[in-house]
């Protein structure tokens, strides 16, 4: 099964690097560089997983996640928060916003893939 990922990242270097690594791993990747575009693309393309940077222009990842999780048509799309915010309470804040999982930057690619695969297994099962 092909897994479609929406990668939401405003830093071009991070976005290009992660998009290439995910594509090489066999994922189909679409990208967005701000929160409003991420919300719209999730509504129109229904990715299997959203990788959501939390520090974004227009609306941040926290607000984009809240909007996606409050809309019936996108509420079931799993979202993994990607953030450099690794302070105490940030994981809880991401989960409270509606994220299904949380990972810190710099990205540990193997760990991120494990999280994506775990979400896909739960969704199928």
PDB file of N, CA and C in Angstrom:
ATOM      1  N   UNK A   1       0.839  -1.186   0.000  1.00  0.00           N
ATOM      2  CA  UNK A   1       0.000   0.000   0.000  1.00  0.00           C
ATOM      3  C   UNK A   1       0.883   1.247   0.000  1.00  0.00           C
ATOM      4  N   UNK A   2       0.605   2.164  -0.883  1.00  0.00           N
ATOM      5  CA  UNK A   2       1.331   3.418  -0.964  1.00  0.00           C
ATOM      6  C   UNK A   2       0.776   4.374   0.095  1.00  0.00           C
ATOM      7  N   UNK A   3       1.655   4.960   0.875  1.00  0.00           N
ATOM      8  CA  UNK A   3       1.258   5.911   1.903  1.00  0.00           C
ATOM      9  C   UNK A   3       1.529   7.316   1.385  1.00  0.00           C
ATOM     10  N   UNK A   4       0.482   8.144   1.398  1.00  0.00           N
ATOM     11  CA  UNK A   4       0.584   9.525   0.932  1.00  0.00           C
ATOM     12  C   UNK A   4       0.783  10.454   2.129  1.00  0.00           C
ATOM     13  N   UNK A   5       1.848  11.234   2.077  1.00  0.00           N
ATOM     14  CA  UNK A   5       2.203  12.117   3.182  1.00  0.00           C
ATOM     15  C   UNK A   5       2.134  13.563   2.737  1.00  0.00           C
ATOM     16  N   UNK A   6       1.531  14.400   3.581  1.00  0.00           N
ATOM     17  CA  UNK A   6       1.617  15.842   3.395  1.00  0.00           C
ATOM     18  C   UNK A   6       2.681  16.338   4.370  1.00  0.00           C
ATOM     19  N   UNK A   7       3.768  16.838   3.840  1.00  0.00           N
ATOM     20  CA  UNK A   7       4.861  17.380   4.635  1.00  0.00           C
ATOM     21  C   UNK A   7       4.689  18.891   4.720  1.00  0.00           C
ATOM     22  N   UNK A   8       4.464  19.381   5.936  1.00  0.00           N
ATOM     23  CA  UNK A   8       4.254  20.805   6.153  1.00  0.00           C
ATOM     24  C   UNK A   8       5.483  21.356   6.871  1.00  0.00           C
ATOM     25  N   UNK A   9       6.267  22.123   6.127  1.00  0.00           N
ATOM     26  CA  UNK A   9       7.553  22.628   6.650  1.00  0.00           C
ATOM     27  C   UNK A   9       7.894  23.916   5.927  1.00  0.00           C
ATOM     28  N   UNK A  10       8.154  24.992   6.668  1.00  0.00           N
ATOM     29  CA  UNK A  10       8.463  26.267   6.022  1.00  0.00           C
ATOM     30  C   UNK A  10       9.945  26.451   5.733  1.00  0.00           C
ATOM     31  N   UNK A  11      10.802  25.685   6.380  1.00  0.00           N
ATOM     32  CA  UNK A  11      12.237  25.791   6.116  1.00  0.00           C
ATOM     33  C   UNK A  11      12.567  24.967   4.877  1.00  0.00           C
ATOM     34  N   UNK A  12      13.005  25.650   3.817  1.00  0.00           N
ATOM     35  CA  UNK A  12      13.213  24.973   2.535  1.00  0.00           C
ATOM     36  C   UNK A  12      14.233  23.839   2.623  1.00  0.00           C
ATOM     37  N   UNK A  13      15.337  24.059   3.321  1.00  0.00           N
ATOM     38  CA  UNK A  13      16.354  23.008   3.443  1.00  0.00           C
ATOM     39  C   UNK A  13      15.785  21.765   4.126  1.00  0.00           C
ATOM     40  N   UNK A  14      15.077  21.973   5.226  1.00  0.00           N
ATOM     41  CA  UNK A  14      14.466  20.848   5.945  1.00  0.00           C
ATOM     42  C   UNK A  14      13.435  20.143   5.068  1.00  0.00           C
ATOM     43  N   UNK A  15      12.626  20.946   4.365  1.00  0.00           N
ATOM     44  CA  UNK A  15      11.560  20.393   3.530  1.00  0.00           C
ATOM     45  C   UNK A  15      12.129  19.542   2.401  1.00  0.00           C
ATOM     46  N   UNK A  16      13.129  20.063   1.694  1.00  0.00           N
ATOM     47  CA  UNK A  16      13.714  19.337   0.568  1.00  0.00           C
ATOM     48  C   UNK A  16      14.382  18.049   1.054  1.00  0.00           C
ATOM     49  N   UNK A  17      15.150  18.138   2.127  1.00  0.00           N
ATOM     50  CA  UNK A  17      15.848  16.958   2.651  1.00  0.00           C
ATOM     51  C   UNK A  17      14.860  15.874   3.073  1.00  0.00           C
ATOM     52  N   UNK A  18      13.838  16.263   3.830  1.00  0.00           N
ATOM     53  CA  UNK A  18      12.886  15.270   4.319  1.00  0.00           C
ATOM     54  C   UNK A  18      12.031  14.715   3.181  1.00  0.00           C
ATOM     55  N   UNK A  19      11.643  15.565   2.238  1.00  0.00           N
ATOM     56  CA  UNK A  19      10.871  15.091   1.083  1.00  0.00           C
ATOM     57  C   UNK A  19      11.660  14.045   0.305  1.00  0.00           C
ATOM     58  N   UNK A  20      12.941  14.306   0.068  1.00  0.00           N
ATOM     59  CA  UNK A  20      13.775  13.349  -0.673  1.00  0.00           C
ATOM     60  C   UNK A  20      13.899  12.024   0.078  1.00  0.00           C
ATOM     61  N   UNK A  21      14.135  12.099   1.370  1.00  0.00           N
ATOM     62  CA  UNK A  21      14.305  10.863   2.155  1.00  0.00           C
ATOM     63  C   UNK A  21      13.006  10.053   2.202  1.00  0.00           C
ATOM     64  N   UNK A  22      11.880  10.733   2.372  1.00  0.00           N
ATOM     65  CA  UNK A  22      10.593  10.033   2.408  1.00  0.00           C
ATOM     66  C   UNK A  22      10.266   9.411   1.049  1.00  0.00           C
ATOM     67  N   UNK A  23      10.543  10.140  -0.022  1.00  0.00           N
ATOM     68  CA  UNK A  23      10.290   9.630  -1.369  1.00  0.00           C
ATOM     69  C   UNK A  23      11.149   8.406  -1.648  1.00  0.00           C
ATOM     70  N   UNK A  24      12.428   8.480  -1.292  1.00  0.00           N
ATOM     71  CA  UNK A  24      13.316   7.316  -1.472  1.00  0.00           C
ATOM     72  C   UNK A  24      12.823   6.115  -0.675  1.00  0.00           C
ATOM     73  N   UNK A  25      12.147   6.367   0.431  1.00  0.00           N
ATOM     74  CA  UNK A  25      11.631   5.289   1.274  1.00  0.00           C
ATOM     75  C   UNK A  25      10.335   4.698   0.708  1.00  0.00           C
ATOM     76  N   UNK A  26       9.796   5.317  -0.357  1.00  0.00           N
ATOM     77  CA  UNK A  26       8.610   4.764  -1.012  1.00  0.00           C
ATOM     78  C   UNK A  26       7.316   5.504  -0.730  1.00  0.00           C
ATOM     79  N   UNK A  27       7.386   6.574   0.049  1.00  0.00           N
ATOM     80  CA  UNK A  27       6.192   7.360   0.329  1.00  0.00           C
ATOM     81  C   UNK A  27       5.929   8.328  -0.826  1.00  0.00           C
ATOM     82  N   UNK A  28       4.665   8.675  -1.035  1.00  0.00           N
ATOM     83  CA  UNK A  28       4.293   9.710  -1.987  1.00  0.00           C
ATOM     84  C   UNK A  28       4.142  10.982  -1.166  1.00  0.00           C
ATOM     85  N   UNK A  29       4.930  12.004  -1.497  1.00  0.00           N
ATOM     86  CA  UNK A  29       5.008  13.195  -0.660  1.00  0.00           C
ATOM     87  C   UNK A  29       4.498  14.428  -1.400  1.00  0.00           C
ATOM     88  N   UNK A  30       3.637  15.152  -0.720  1.00  0.00           N
ATOM     89  CA  UNK A  30       3.184  16.461  -1.175  1.00  0.00           C
ATOM     90  C   UNK A  30       3.662  17.449  -0.114  1.00  0.00           C
ATOM     91  N   UNK A  31       3.973  18.674  -0.494  1.00  0.00           N
ATOM     92  CA  UNK A  31       4.511  19.629   0.470  1.00  0.00           C
ATOM     93  C   UNK A  31       3.664  20.895   0.558  1.00  0.00           C
ATOM     94  N   UNK A  32       3.725  21.486   1.746  1.00  0.00           N
ATOM     95  CA  UNK A  32       3.118  22.791   1.994  1.00  0.00           C
ATOM     96  C   UNK A  32       4.094  23.561   2.876  1.00  0.00           C
ATOM     97  N   UNK A  33       4.144  24.870   2.692  1.00  0.00           N
ATOM     98  CA  UNK A  33       5.096  25.648   3.477  1.00  0.00           C
ATOM     99  C   UNK A  33       4.430  26.578   4.486  1.00  0.00           C
ATOM    100  N   UNK A  34       3.106  26.539   4.580  1.00  0.00           N
ATOM    101  CA  UNK A  34       2.444  27.306   5.634  1.00  0.00           C
ATOM    102  C   UNK A  34       1.171  26.603   6.085  1.00  0.00           C
ATOM    103  N   UNK A  35       0.648  27.036   7.215  1.00  0.00           N
ATOM    104  CA  UNK A  35      -0.489  26.368   7.834  1.00  0.00           C
ATOM    105  C   UNK A  35      -1.775  26.434   7.042  1.00  0.00           C
ATOM    106  N   UNK A  36      -2.061  27.577   6.414  1.00  0.00           N
ATOM    107  CA  UNK A  36      -3.300  27.686   5.633  1.00  0.00           C
ATOM    108  C   UNK A  36      -3.291  26.748   4.437  1.00  0.00           C
ATOM    109  N   UNK A  37      -2.162  26.676   3.742  1.00  0.00           N
ATOM    110  CA  UNK A  37      -2.042  25.754   2.611  1.00  0.00           C
ATOM    111  C   UNK A  37      -2.177  24.318   3.098  1.00  0.00           C
ATOM    112  N   UNK A  38      -1.600  24.011   4.248  1.00  0.00           N
ATOM    113  CA  UNK A  38      -1.693  22.659   4.807  1.00  0.00           C
ATOM    114  C   UNK A  38      -3.143  22.264   5.070  1.00  0.00           C
ATOM    115  N   UNK A  39      -3.919  23.169   5.636  1.00  0.00           N
ATOM    116  CA  UNK A  39      -5.333  22.874   5.910  1.00  0.00           C
ATOM    117  C   UNK A  39      -6.068  22.621   4.601  1.00  0.00           C
ATOM    118  N   UNK A  40      -5.855  23.481   3.618  1.00  0.00           N
ATOM    119  CA  UNK A  40      -6.545  23.335   2.328  1.00  0.00           C
ATOM    120  C   UNK A  40      -6.134  22.038   1.623  1.00  0.00           C
ATOM    121  N   UNK A  41      -4.844  21.744   1.581  1.00  0.00           N
ATOM    122  CA  UNK A  41      -4.393  20.521   0.913  1.00  0.00           C
ATOM    123  C   UNK A  41      -4.905  19.265   1.628  1.00  0.00           C
ATOM    124  N   UNK A  42      -4.968  19.306   2.929  1.00  0.00           N
ATOM    125  CA  UNK A  42      -5.496  18.146   3.658  1.00  0.00           C
ATOM    126  C   UNK A  42      -6.963  17.942   3.314  1.00  0.00           C
ATOM    127  N   UNK A  43      -7.703  19.013   3.214  1.00  0.00           N
ATOM    128  CA  UNK A  43      -9.130  18.915   2.854  1.00  0.00           C
ATOM    129  C   UNK A  43      -9.323  18.384   1.445  1.00  0.00           C
ATOM    130  N   UNK A  44      -8.481  18.821   0.512  1.00  0.00           N
ATOM    131  CA  UNK A  44      -8.701  18.464  -0.893  1.00  0.00           C
ATOM    132  C   UNK A  44      -8.026  17.165  -1.316  1.00  0.00           C
ATOM    133  N   UNK A  45      -6.909  16.806  -0.697  1.00  0.00           N
ATOM    134  CA  UNK A  45      -6.186  15.617  -1.157  1.00  0.00           C
ATOM    135  C   UNK A  45      -6.253  14.443  -0.190  1.00  0.00           C
ATOM    136  N   UNK A  46      -6.688  14.670   1.026  1.00  0.00           N
ATOM    137  CA  UNK A  46      -6.831  13.628   2.047  1.00  0.00           C
ATOM    138  C   UNK A  46      -5.604  12.722   2.147  1.00  0.00           C
ATOM    139  N   UNK A  47      -4.470  13.259   2.584  1.00  0.00           N
ATOM    140  CA  UNK A  47      -3.278  12.420   2.742  1.00  0.00           C
ATOM    141  C   UNK A  47      -3.495  11.372   3.819  1.00  0.00           C
ATOM    142  N   UNK A  48      -2.673  10.340   3.802  1.00  0.00           N
ATOM    143  CA  UNK A  48      -2.759   9.307   4.836  1.00  0.00           C
ATOM    144  C   UNK A  48      -2.181   9.793   6.150  1.00  0.00           C
ATOM    145  N   UNK A  49      -1.187  10.678   6.083  1.00  0.00           N
ATOM    146  CA  UNK A  49      -0.520  11.233   7.269  1.00  0.00           C
ATOM    147  C   UNK A  49      -0.083  12.661   6.955  1.00  0.00           C
ATOM    148  N   UNK A  50      -0.184  13.524   7.962  1.00  0.00           N
ATOM    149  CA  UNK A  50       0.363  14.873   7.857  1.00  0.00           C
ATOM    150  C   UNK A  50       1.536  14.976   8.820  1.00  0.00           C
ATOM    151  N   UNK A  51       2.681  15.423   8.310  1.00  0.00           N
ATOM    152  CA  UNK A  51       3.834  15.743   9.154  1.00  0.00           C
ATOM    153  C   UNK A  51       3.826  17.259   9.294  1.00  0.00           C
ATOM    154  N   UNK A  52       3.487  17.742  10.488  1.00  0.00           N
ATOM    155  CA  UNK A  52       3.180  19.159  10.698  1.00  0.00           C
ATOM    156  C   UNK A  52       4.257  19.861  11.524  1.00  0.00           C
ATOM    157  N   UNK A  53       5.012  20.731  10.850  1.00  0.00           N
ATOM    158  CA  UNK A  53       5.895  21.634  11.584  1.00  0.00           C
ATOM    159  C   UNK A  53       4.989  22.533  12.411  1.00  0.00           C
ATOM    160  N   UNK A  54       5.389  22.863  13.612  1.00  0.00           N
ATOM    161  CA  UNK A  54       4.519  23.661  14.467  1.00  0.00           C
ATOM    162  C   UNK A  54       4.791  25.159  14.349  1.00  0.00           C
ATOM    163  N   UNK A  55       5.955  25.551  13.869  1.00  0.00           N
ATOM    164  CA  UNK A  55       6.289  26.968  13.688  1.00  0.00           C
ATOM    165  C   UNK A  55       6.184  27.306  12.213  1.00  0.00           C
ATOM    166  N   UNK A  56       5.039  27.848  11.823  1.00  0.00           N
ATOM    167  CA  UNK A  56       4.743  28.113  10.412  1.00  0.00           C
ATOM    168  C   UNK A  56       4.236  29.530  10.219  1.00  0.00           C
ATOM    169  N   UNK A  57       4.386  30.070   9.004  1.00  0.00           N
ATOM    170  CA  UNK A  57       3.757  31.357   8.694  1.00  0.00           C
ATOM    171  C   UNK A  57       2.252  31.193   8.460  1.00  0.00           C
ATOM    172  N   UNK A  58       1.564  32.274   8.365  1.00  0.00           N
ATOM    173  CA  UNK A  58       0.107  32.401   8.200  1.00  0.00           C
ATOM    174  C   UNK A  58      -0.600  31.914   9.453  1.00  0.00           C
ATOM    175  N   UNK A  59      -0.786  30.638   9.611  1.00  0.00           N
ATOM    176  CA  UNK A  59      -1.250  30.094  10.901  1.00  0.00           C
ATOM    177  C   UNK A  59      -0.239  29.021  11.293  1.00  0.00           C
ATOM    178  N   UNK A  60       0.035  28.916  12.575  1.00  0.00           N
ATOM    179  CA  UNK A  60       1.042  27.951  13.012  1.00  0.00           C
ATOM    180  C   UNK A  60       0.481  26.531  13.000  1.00  0.00           C
ATOM    181  N   UNK A  61       1.346  25.578  13.234  1.00  0.00           N
ATOM    182  CA  UNK A  61       0.940  24.176  13.206  1.00  0.00           C
ATOM    183  C   UNK A  61      -0.070  23.814  14.275  1.00  0.00           C
ATOM    184  N   UNK A  62      -0.011  24.517  15.403  1.00  0.00           N
ATOM    185  CA  UNK A  62      -0.985  24.256  16.468  1.00  0.00           C
ATOM    186  C   UNK A  62      -2.391  24.583  15.958  1.00  0.00           C
ATOM    187  N   UNK A  63      -2.550  25.763  15.357  1.00  0.00           N
ATOM    188  CA  UNK A  63      -3.856  26.193  14.864  1.00  0.00           C
ATOM    189  C   UNK A  63      -4.289  25.360  13.656  1.00  0.00           C
ATOM    190  N   UNK A  64      -3.371  25.059  12.749  1.00  0.00           N
ATOM    191  CA  UNK A  64      -3.716  24.224  11.596  1.00  0.00           C
ATOM    192  C   UNK A  64      -4.220  22.859  12.069  1.00  0.00           C
ATOM    193  N   UNK A  65      -3.564  22.293  13.060  1.00  0.00           N
ATOM    194  CA  UNK A  65      -3.995  20.999  13.605  1.00  0.00           C
ATOM    195  C   UNK A  65      -5.386  21.104  14.218  1.00  0.00           C
ATOM    196  N   UNK A  66      -5.615  22.142  15.016  1.00  0.00           N
ATOM    197  CA  UNK A  66      -6.945  22.312  15.623  1.00  0.00           C
ATOM    198  C   UNK A  66      -8.031  22.403  14.556  1.00  0.00           C
ATOM    199  N   UNK A  67      -7.747  23.157  13.485  1.00  0.00           N
ATOM    200  CA  UNK A  67      -8.741  23.290  12.409  1.00  0.00           C
ATOM    201  C   UNK A  67      -9.003  21.951  11.726  1.00  0.00           C
ATOM    202  N   UNK A  68      -7.935  21.198  11.459  1.00  0.00           N
ATOM    203  CA  UNK A  68      -8.103  19.901  10.793  1.00  0.00           C
ATOM    204  C   UNK A  68      -8.853  18.910  11.672  1.00  0.00           C
ATOM    205  N   UNK A  69      -8.543  18.889  12.949  1.00  0.00           N
ATOM    206  CA  UNK A  69      -9.173  17.924  13.855  1.00  0.00           C
ATOM    207  C   UNK A  69     -10.608  18.307  14.200  1.00  0.00           C
ATOM    208  N   UNK A  70     -10.965  19.583  14.019  1.00  0.00           N
ATOM    209  CA  UNK A  70     -12.336  19.993  14.319  1.00  0.00           C
ATOM    210  C   UNK A  70     -13.269  19.860  13.114  1.00  0.00           C
ATOM    211  N   UNK A  71     -12.722  19.615  11.936  1.00  0.00           N
ATOM    212  CA  UNK A  71     -13.534  19.455  10.720  1.00  0.00           C
ATOM    213  C   UNK A  71     -13.817  17.976  10.495  1.00  0.00           C
ATOM    214  N   UNK A  72     -15.079  17.599  10.367  1.00  0.00           N
ATOM    215  CA  UNK A  72     -15.420  16.175  10.206  1.00  0.00           C
ATOM    216  C   UNK A  72     -14.701  15.489   9.049  1.00  0.00           C
ATOM    217  N   UNK A  73     -14.478  16.205   7.944  1.00  0.00           N
ATOM    218  CA  UNK A  73     -13.869  15.569   6.774  1.00  0.00           C
ATOM    219  C   UNK A  73     -12.371  15.316   6.938  1.00  0.00           C
ATOM    220  N   UNK A  74     -11.721  15.956   7.900  1.00  0.00           N
ATOM    221  CA  UNK A  74     -10.277  15.767   8.082  1.00  0.00           C
ATOM    222  C   UNK A  74      -9.901  15.291   9.487  1.00  0.00           C
ATOM    223  N   UNK A  75     -10.866  15.136  10.354  1.00  0.00           N
ATOM    224  CA  UNK A  75     -10.582  14.787  11.756  1.00  0.00           C
ATOM    225  C   UNK A  75      -9.829  13.473  11.903  1.00  0.00           C
ATOM    226  N   UNK A  76     -10.050  12.534  11.000  1.00  0.00           N
ATOM    227  CA  UNK A  76      -9.420  11.210  11.131  1.00  0.00           C
ATOM    228  C   UNK A  76      -8.021  11.128  10.528  1.00  0.00           C
ATOM    229  N   UNK A  77      -7.576  12.189   9.849  1.00  0.00           N
ATOM    230  CA  UNK A  77      -6.239  12.164   9.238  1.00  0.00           C
ATOM    231  C   UNK A  77      -5.202  12.277  10.349  1.00  0.00           C
ATOM    232  N   UNK A  78      -4.307  11.283  10.485  1.00  0.00           N
ATOM    233  CA  UNK A  78      -3.294  11.346  11.537  1.00  0.00           C
ATOM    234  C   UNK A  78      -2.293  12.473  11.284  1.00  0.00           C
ATOM    235  N   UNK A  79      -1.927  13.146  12.371  1.00  0.00           N
ATOM    236  CA  UNK A  79      -0.971  14.250  12.287  1.00  0.00           C
ATOM    237  C   UNK A  79       0.163  13.988  13.270  1.00  0.00           C
ATOM    238  N   UNK A  80       1.394  14.066  12.752  1.00  0.00           N
ATOM    239  CA  UNK A  80       2.574  13.974  13.608  1.00  0.00           C
ATOM    240  C   UNK A  80       3.184  15.369  13.685  1.00  0.00           C
ATOM    241  N   UNK A  81       3.281  15.905  14.897  1.00  0.00           N
ATOM    242  CA  UNK A  81       3.914  17.211  15.100  1.00  0.00           C
ATOM    243  C   UNK A  81       5.423  17.052  14.938  1.00  0.00           C
ATOM    244  N   UNK A  82       6.015  17.954  14.165  1.00  0.00           N
ATOM    245  CA  UNK A  82       7.471  18.012  14.029  1.00  0.00           C
ATOM    246  C   UNK A  82       7.901  19.372  14.545  1.00  0.00           C
ATOM    247  N   UNK A  83       8.706  19.373  15.590  1.00  0.00           N
ATOM    248  CA  UNK A  83       9.036  20.659  16.179  1.00  0.00           C
ATOM    249  C   UNK A  83      10.394  20.677  16.845  1.00  0.00           C
ATOM    250  N   UNK A  84      10.994  21.831  16.808  1.00  0.00           N
ATOM    251  CA  UNK A  84      12.233  22.046  17.549  1.00  0.00           C
ATOM    252  C   UNK A  84      11.905  22.335  19.007  1.00  0.00           C
ATOM    253  N   UNK A  85      10.622  22.533  19.318  1.00  0.00           N
ATOM    254  CA  UNK A  85      10.190  22.761  20.691  1.00  0.00           C
ATOM    255  C   UNK A  85      10.262  21.447  21.451  1.00  0.00           C
ATOM    256  N   UNK A  86      11.270  21.301  22.258  1.00  0.00           N
ATOM    257  CA  UNK A  86      11.438  20.058  23.022  1.00  0.00           C
ATOM    258  C   UNK A  86      11.390  20.346  24.510  1.00  0.00           C
ATOM    259  N   UNK A  87      10.713  21.413  24.859  1.00  0.00           N
ATOM    260  CA  UNK A  87      10.611  21.794  26.260  1.00  0.00           C
ATOM    261  C   UNK A  87       9.549  20.935  26.951  1.00  0.00           C
ATOM    262  N   UNK A  88       9.650  20.874  28.250  1.00  0.00           N
ATOM    263  CA  UNK A  88       8.673  20.146  29.048  1.00  0.00           C
ATOM    264  C   UNK A  88       7.279  20.692  28.740  1.00  0.00           C
ATOM    265  N   UNK A  89       6.362  19.825  28.422  1.00  0.00           N
ATOM    266  CA  UNK A  89       5.002  20.237  28.143  1.00  0.00           C
ATOM    267  C   UNK A  89       4.683  20.408  26.664  1.00  0.00           C
ATOM    268  N   UNK A  90       5.704  20.486  25.803  1.00  0.00           N
ATOM    269  CA  UNK A  90       5.435  20.677  24.370  1.00  0.00           C
ATOM    270  C   UNK A  90       4.752  19.467  23.746  1.00  0.00           C
ATOM    271  N   UNK A  91       5.151  18.268  24.162  1.00  0.00           N
ATOM    272  CA  UNK A  91       4.507  17.064  23.641  1.00  0.00           C
ATOM    273  C   UNK A  91       3.020  17.068  24.015  1.00  0.00           C
ATOM    274  N   UNK A  92       2.738  17.387  25.275  1.00  0.00           N
ATOM    275  CA  UNK A  92       1.355  17.430  25.741  1.00  0.00           C
ATOM    276  C   UNK A  92       0.567  18.498  24.990  1.00  0.00           C
ATOM    277  N   UNK A  93       1.209  19.642  24.746  1.00  0.00           N
ATOM    278  CA  UNK A  93       0.546  20.719  24.005  1.00  0.00           C
ATOM    279  C   UNK A  93       0.193  20.264  22.592  1.00  0.00           C
ATOM    280  N   UNK A  94       1.103  19.532  21.943  1.00  0.00           N
ATOM    281  CA  UNK A  94       0.836  19.025  20.592  1.00  0.00           C
ATOM    282  C   UNK A  94      -0.315  18.028  20.608  1.00  0.00           C
ATOM    283  N   UNK A  95      -0.318  17.142  21.582  1.00  0.00           N
ATOM    284  CA  UNK A  95      -1.395  16.152  21.671  1.00  0.00           C
ATOM    285  C   UNK A  95      -2.727  16.826  21.988  1.00  0.00           C
ATOM    286  N   UNK A  96      -2.716  17.844  22.851  1.00  0.00           N
ATOM    287  CA  UNK A  96      -3.943  18.581  23.164  1.00  0.00           C
ATOM    288  C   UNK A  96      -4.486  19.301  21.931  1.00  0.00           C
ATOM    289  N   UNK A  97      -3.598  19.771  21.058  1.00  0.00           N
ATOM    290  CA  UNK A  97      -4.037  20.444  19.825  1.00  0.00           C
ATOM    291  C   UNK A  97      -4.680  19.453  18.855  1.00  0.00           C
ATOM    292  N   UNK A  98      -4.422  18.148  19.067  1.00  0.00           N
ATOM    293  CA  UNK A  98      -5.021  17.126  18.213  1.00  0.00           C
ATOM    294  C   UNK A  98      -4.026  16.250  17.484  1.00  0.00           C
ATOM    295  N   UNK A  99      -2.734  16.510  17.671  1.00  0.00           N
ATOM    296  CA  UNK A  99      -1.733  15.669  16.997  1.00  0.00           C
ATOM    297  C   UNK A  99      -1.816  14.249  17.529  1.00  0.00           C
ATOM    298  N   UNK A 100      -1.576  13.296  16.653  1.00  0.00           N
ATOM    299  CA  UNK A 100      -1.623  11.887  17.030  1.00  0.00           C
ATOM    300  C   UNK A 100      -0.282  11.404  17.558  1.00  0.00           C
ATOM    301  N   UNK A 101       0.781  12.128  17.217  1.00  0.00           N
ATOM    302  CA  UNK A 101       2.117  11.791  17.711  1.00  0.00           C
ATOM    303  C   UNK A 101       2.959  13.050  17.623  1.00  0.00           C
ATOM    304  N   UNK A 102       4.198  12.945  18.091  1.00  0.00           N
ATOM    305  CA  UNK A 102       5.068  14.109  18.254  1.00  0.00           C
ATOM    306  C   UNK A 102       6.495  13.655  18.031  1.00  0.00           C
ATOM    307  N   UNK A 103       7.273  14.451  17.313  1.00  0.00           N
ATOM    308  CA  UNK A 103       8.688  14.146  17.145  1.00  0.00           C
ATOM    309  C   UNK A 103       9.461  15.454  17.134  1.00  0.00           C
ATOM    310  N   UNK A 104      10.685  15.394  17.614  1.00  0.00           N
ATOM    311  CA  UNK A 104      11.492  16.602  17.728  1.00  0.00           C
ATOM    312  C   UNK A 104      12.500  16.706  16.591  1.00  0.00           C
ATOM    313  N   UNK A 105      12.892  17.942  16.327  1.00  0.00           N
ATOM    314  CA  UNK A 105      13.952  18.213  15.362  1.00  0.00           C
ATOM    315  C   UNK A 105      15.243  18.378  16.144  1.00  0.00           C
ATOM    316  N   UNK A 106      16.371  18.013  15.584  1.00  0.00           N
ATOM    317  CA  UNK A 106      16.515  17.436  14.256  1.00  0.00           C
ATOM    318  C   UNK A 106      15.861  16.058  14.185  1.00  0.00           C
ATOM    319  N   UNK A 107      15.336  15.745  13.016  1.00  0.00           N
ATOM    320  CA  UNK A 107      14.566  14.519  12.813  1.00  0.00           C
ATOM    321  C   UNK A 107      15.478  13.293  12.859  1.00  0.00           C
ATOM    322  N   UNK A 108      15.066  12.318  13.660  1.00  0.00           N
ATOM    323  CA  UNK A 108      15.663  10.980  13.619  1.00  0.00           C
ATOM    324  C   UNK A 108      14.811  10.228  12.600  1.00  0.00           C
ATOM    325  N   UNK A 109      15.316  10.069  11.373  1.00  0.00           N
ATOM    326  CA  UNK A 109      14.502   9.562  10.272  1.00  0.00           C
ATOM    327  C   UNK A 109      13.934   8.174  10.554  1.00  0.00           C
ATOM    328  N   UNK A 110      14.739   7.271  11.086  1.00  0.00           N
ATOM    329  CA  UNK A 110      14.260   5.909  11.381  1.00  0.00           C
ATOM    330  C   UNK A 110      13.107   5.950  12.381  1.00  0.00           C
ATOM    331  N   UNK A 111      13.230   6.781  13.406  1.00  0.00           N
ATOM    332  CA  UNK A 111      12.162   6.893  14.410  1.00  0.00           C
ATOM    333  C   UNK A 111      10.902   7.478  13.794  1.00  0.00           C
ATOM    334  N   UNK A 112      11.058   8.483  12.909  1.00  0.00           N
ATOM    335  CA  UNK A 112       9.899   9.080  12.262  1.00  0.00           C
ATOM    336  C   UNK A 112       9.174   8.060  11.392  1.00  0.00           C
ATOM    337  N   UNK A 113       9.912   7.274  10.623  1.00  0.00           N
ATOM    338  CA  UNK A 113       9.294   6.239   9.785  1.00  0.00           C
ATOM    339  C   UNK A 113       8.556   5.226  10.655  1.00  0.00           C
ATOM    340  N   UNK A 114       9.126   4.856  11.788  1.00  0.00           N
ATOM    341  CA  UNK A 114       8.438   3.935  12.706  1.00  0.00           C
ATOM    342  C   UNK A 114       7.110   4.527  13.170  1.00  0.00           C
ATOM    343  N   UNK A 115       7.100   5.806  13.466  1.00  0.00           N
ATOM    344  CA  UNK A 115       5.859   6.460  13.910  1.00  0.00           C
ATOM    345  C   UNK A 115       4.822   6.486  12.792  1.00  0.00           C
ATOM    346  N   UNK A 116       5.259   6.784  11.579  1.00  0.00           N
ATOM    347  CA  UNK A 116       4.337   6.782  10.432  1.00  0.00           C
ATOM    348  C   UNK A 116       3.754   5.391  10.241  1.00  0.00           C
ATOM    349  N   UNK A 117       4.609   4.382  10.257  1.00  0.00           N
ATOM    350  CA  UNK A 117       4.137   3.004  10.063  1.00  0.00           C
ATOM    351  C   UNK A 117       3.206   2.564  11.185  1.00  0.00           C
ATOM    352  N   UNK A 118       3.484   2.969  12.414  1.00  0.00           N
ATOM    353  CA  UNK A 118       2.605   2.622  13.536  1.00  0.00           C
ATOM    354  C   UNK A 118       1.227   3.251  13.359  1.00  0.00           C
ATOM    355  N   UNK A 119       1.181   4.499  12.917  1.00  0.00           N
ATOM    356  CA  UNK A 119      -0.111   5.145  12.678  1.00  0.00           C
ATOM    357  C   UNK A 119      -0.876   4.463  11.557  1.00  0.00           C
ATOM    358  N   UNK A 120      -0.178   4.044  10.505  1.00  0.00           N
ATOM    359  CA  UNK A 120      -0.833   3.362   9.393  1.00  0.00           C
ATOM    360  C   UNK A 120      -1.377   1.998   9.840  1.00  0.00           C
ATOM    361  N   UNK A 121      -0.630   1.292  10.676  1.00  0.00           N
ATOM    362  CA  UNK A 121      -1.095   0.006  11.196  1.00  0.00           C
ATOM    363  C   UNK A 121      -2.349   0.191  12.039  1.00  0.00           C
ATOM    364  N   UNK A 122      -2.356   1.194  12.911  1.00  0.00           N
ATOM    365  CA  UNK A 122      -3.531   1.466  13.751  1.00  0.00           C
ATOM    366  C   UNK A 122      -4.723   1.842  12.898  1.00  0.00           C
ATOM    367  N   UNK A 123      -4.482   2.616  11.849  1.00  0.00           N
ATOM    368  CA  UNK A 123      -5.573   3.077  10.989  1.00  0.00           C
ATOM    369  C   UNK A 123      -6.197   1.901  10.231  1.00  0.00           C
ATOM    370  N   UNK A 124      -5.347   0.971   9.782  1.00  0.00           N
ATOM    371  CA  UNK A 124      -5.844  -0.198   9.043  1.00  0.00           C
ATOM    372  C   UNK A 124      -6.526  -1.201   9.964  1.00  0.00           C
ATOM    373  N   UNK A 125      -5.984  -1.304  11.184  1.00  0.00           N
ATOM    374  CA  UNK A 125      -6.423  -2.342  12.100  1.00  0.00           C
ATOM    375  C   UNK A 125      -7.669  -2.004  12.811  1.00  0.00           C
TER     376      UNK A 125
END
